[in-house]
Protein backbone atom coordinates (compact mmCIF):
# COMPACT_ATOMS: atom_id res chain seq x y z
CA MET A 1 49.08 99.56 -10.97
CA ASP A 2 46.21 101.83 -11.60
CA GLU A 3 42.82 101.13 -9.54
CA LEU A 4 39.72 101.08 -11.17
CA PRO A 5 37.73 104.18 -10.10
CA GLN A 6 34.94 102.86 -7.76
CA ILE A 7 31.42 104.79 -8.24
CA GLU A 8 29.60 105.53 -5.46
CA SER A 9 25.68 104.56 -5.74
CA GLY A 10 22.76 103.35 -3.90
CA PRO A 11 21.48 99.94 -4.30
CA VAL A 12 21.02 98.85 -7.62
CA ALA A 13 17.49 98.77 -8.83
CA VAL A 14 16.19 95.46 -10.17
CA PRO A 15 13.74 95.84 -12.96
CA PRO A 16 10.34 94.28 -12.20
CA SER A 17 10.70 91.74 -15.28
CA ALA A 18 13.87 90.51 -13.62
CA LYS A 19 12.06 89.99 -10.15
CA LEU A 20 9.08 88.10 -11.95
CA MET A 21 11.90 85.95 -13.77
CA LEU A 22 13.58 85.33 -10.36
CA ARG A 23 10.02 84.03 -8.91
CA VAL A 24 9.48 81.85 -11.63
CA VAL A 25 12.87 80.12 -11.37
CA TYR A 26 12.13 79.78 -7.47
CA ILE A 27 8.71 78.33 -8.19
CA MET A 28 10.16 76.05 -11.11
CA GLY A 29 12.81 74.77 -8.56
CA ILE A 30 10.38 73.86 -5.86
CA VAL A 31 8.10 72.10 -8.37
CA LEU A 32 11.12 69.93 -9.69
CA VAL A 33 11.90 68.91 -6.18
CA LEU A 34 8.36 68.19 -5.04
CA LEU A 35 7.91 66.02 -8.29
CA PHE A 36 11.22 64.00 -7.92
CA MET A 37 9.75 63.38 -4.44
CA VAL A 38 6.63 62.00 -5.75
CA LEU A 39 8.84 59.96 -8.43
CA VAL A 40 10.61 58.21 -5.61
CA GLY A 41 7.53 57.69 -3.55
CA ALA A 42 5.84 56.21 -6.24
CA ILE A 43 8.71 53.69 -6.83
CA ILE A 44 8.82 52.59 -3.18
CA TRP A 45 5.19 51.99 -3.22
CA LYS A 46 5.31 49.96 -6.55
CA ALA A 47 7.89 47.96 -4.97
CA THR A 48 6.29 47.29 -1.75
CA HIS A 49 2.91 46.57 -3.14
CA LYS A 50 3.18 43.65 -5.70
CA ALA A 51 -0.01 42.53 -7.27
CA GLU A 52 -1.52 39.10 -6.42
CA VAL A 53 -1.05 36.66 -9.25
CA LYS A 54 -4.04 34.45 -9.35
CA ALA A 55 -3.35 30.77 -10.42
CA VAL A 56 -5.25 29.77 -13.57
CA PRO A 57 -6.55 26.27 -13.50
CA PRO A 58 -4.83 24.18 -16.48
CA ALA A 59 -6.88 23.75 -19.32
CA GLN A 60 -8.10 20.71 -20.87
CA ILE A 61 -8.56 20.05 -24.71
CA ASP A 62 -10.39 17.40 -26.08
CA LEU A 63 -8.33 16.07 -29.16
CA GLY A 64 -11.04 13.54 -30.18
CA LEU A 65 -9.14 10.50 -30.24
CA PRO A 66 -10.45 7.20 -30.24
CA ALA A 67 -10.45 5.14 -27.16
CA GLY A 68 -7.17 3.34 -26.59
CA THR A 69 -4.88 5.87 -28.67
CA ALA A 70 -1.58 6.32 -27.28
CA VAL A 71 0.53 9.34 -27.72
CA GLN A 72 4.00 8.53 -29.12
CA SER A 73 5.73 11.95 -28.83
CA MET A 74 4.96 15.59 -28.63
CA ALA A 75 7.21 18.65 -29.49
CA LEU A 76 6.73 22.27 -28.36
CA ASP A 77 7.85 25.14 -30.51
CA GLY A 78 7.06 28.43 -29.19
CA ASP A 79 3.11 28.35 -28.60
CA ARG A 80 2.58 25.39 -31.09
CA LEU A 81 2.48 21.77 -29.58
CA ALA A 82 2.74 18.89 -31.87
CA ILE A 83 1.32 15.47 -30.76
CA ASN A 84 2.40 12.49 -32.79
CA THR A 85 -0.23 9.48 -32.02
CA GLY A 86 1.00 7.27 -34.76
CA ALA A 87 -2.00 7.76 -37.10
CA GLU A 88 -1.85 11.50 -37.27
CA ILE A 89 -0.03 14.39 -35.93
CA ILE A 90 -2.16 16.98 -34.18
CA ILE A 91 -0.87 20.73 -33.87
CA VAL A 92 -2.37 22.49 -31.02
CA ASP A 93 -2.06 26.45 -30.28
CA VAL A 94 -1.30 26.26 -26.43
CA ARG A 95 -2.10 30.05 -26.04
CA LYS A 96 -5.66 29.65 -27.49
CA ASN A 97 -6.21 26.14 -26.36
CA GLU A 98 -7.46 24.81 -29.64
CA VAL A 99 -6.69 22.18 -32.36
CA ILE A 100 -4.81 24.20 -35.38
CA SER A 101 -4.58 21.20 -37.62
CA ARG A 102 -4.68 17.60 -37.79
CA ILE A 103 -2.16 15.79 -40.29
CA ALA A 104 -2.66 12.27 -41.02
CA THR A 105 0.54 10.19 -41.33
CA ILE A 106 1.07 7.54 -44.15
CA SER A 107 1.17 4.12 -42.94
CA LYS A 108 3.00 1.33 -44.98
């Protein structure tokens, strides 16, 4: 086997642009590690500092029913509540707490 000839030379000179690129890579690595630490710290802080939920008192809606009117049935579908009084059906939007419509029932 023939060995490759060894060239005796001094230290290899690194061009200035390569030195600059090496510094930029080191700086980006340090910034990446710092940002990862900030991310982990923010996740831990969010997990330990829960926002307090304030209780909202229940809202009362005046349906405008005459005295003595009884509610026969109610049905909830999404954010709509249908109240059947026998004489009419009242549709209420529970998110806005307002009466949307009144439907008179046919009595025979």
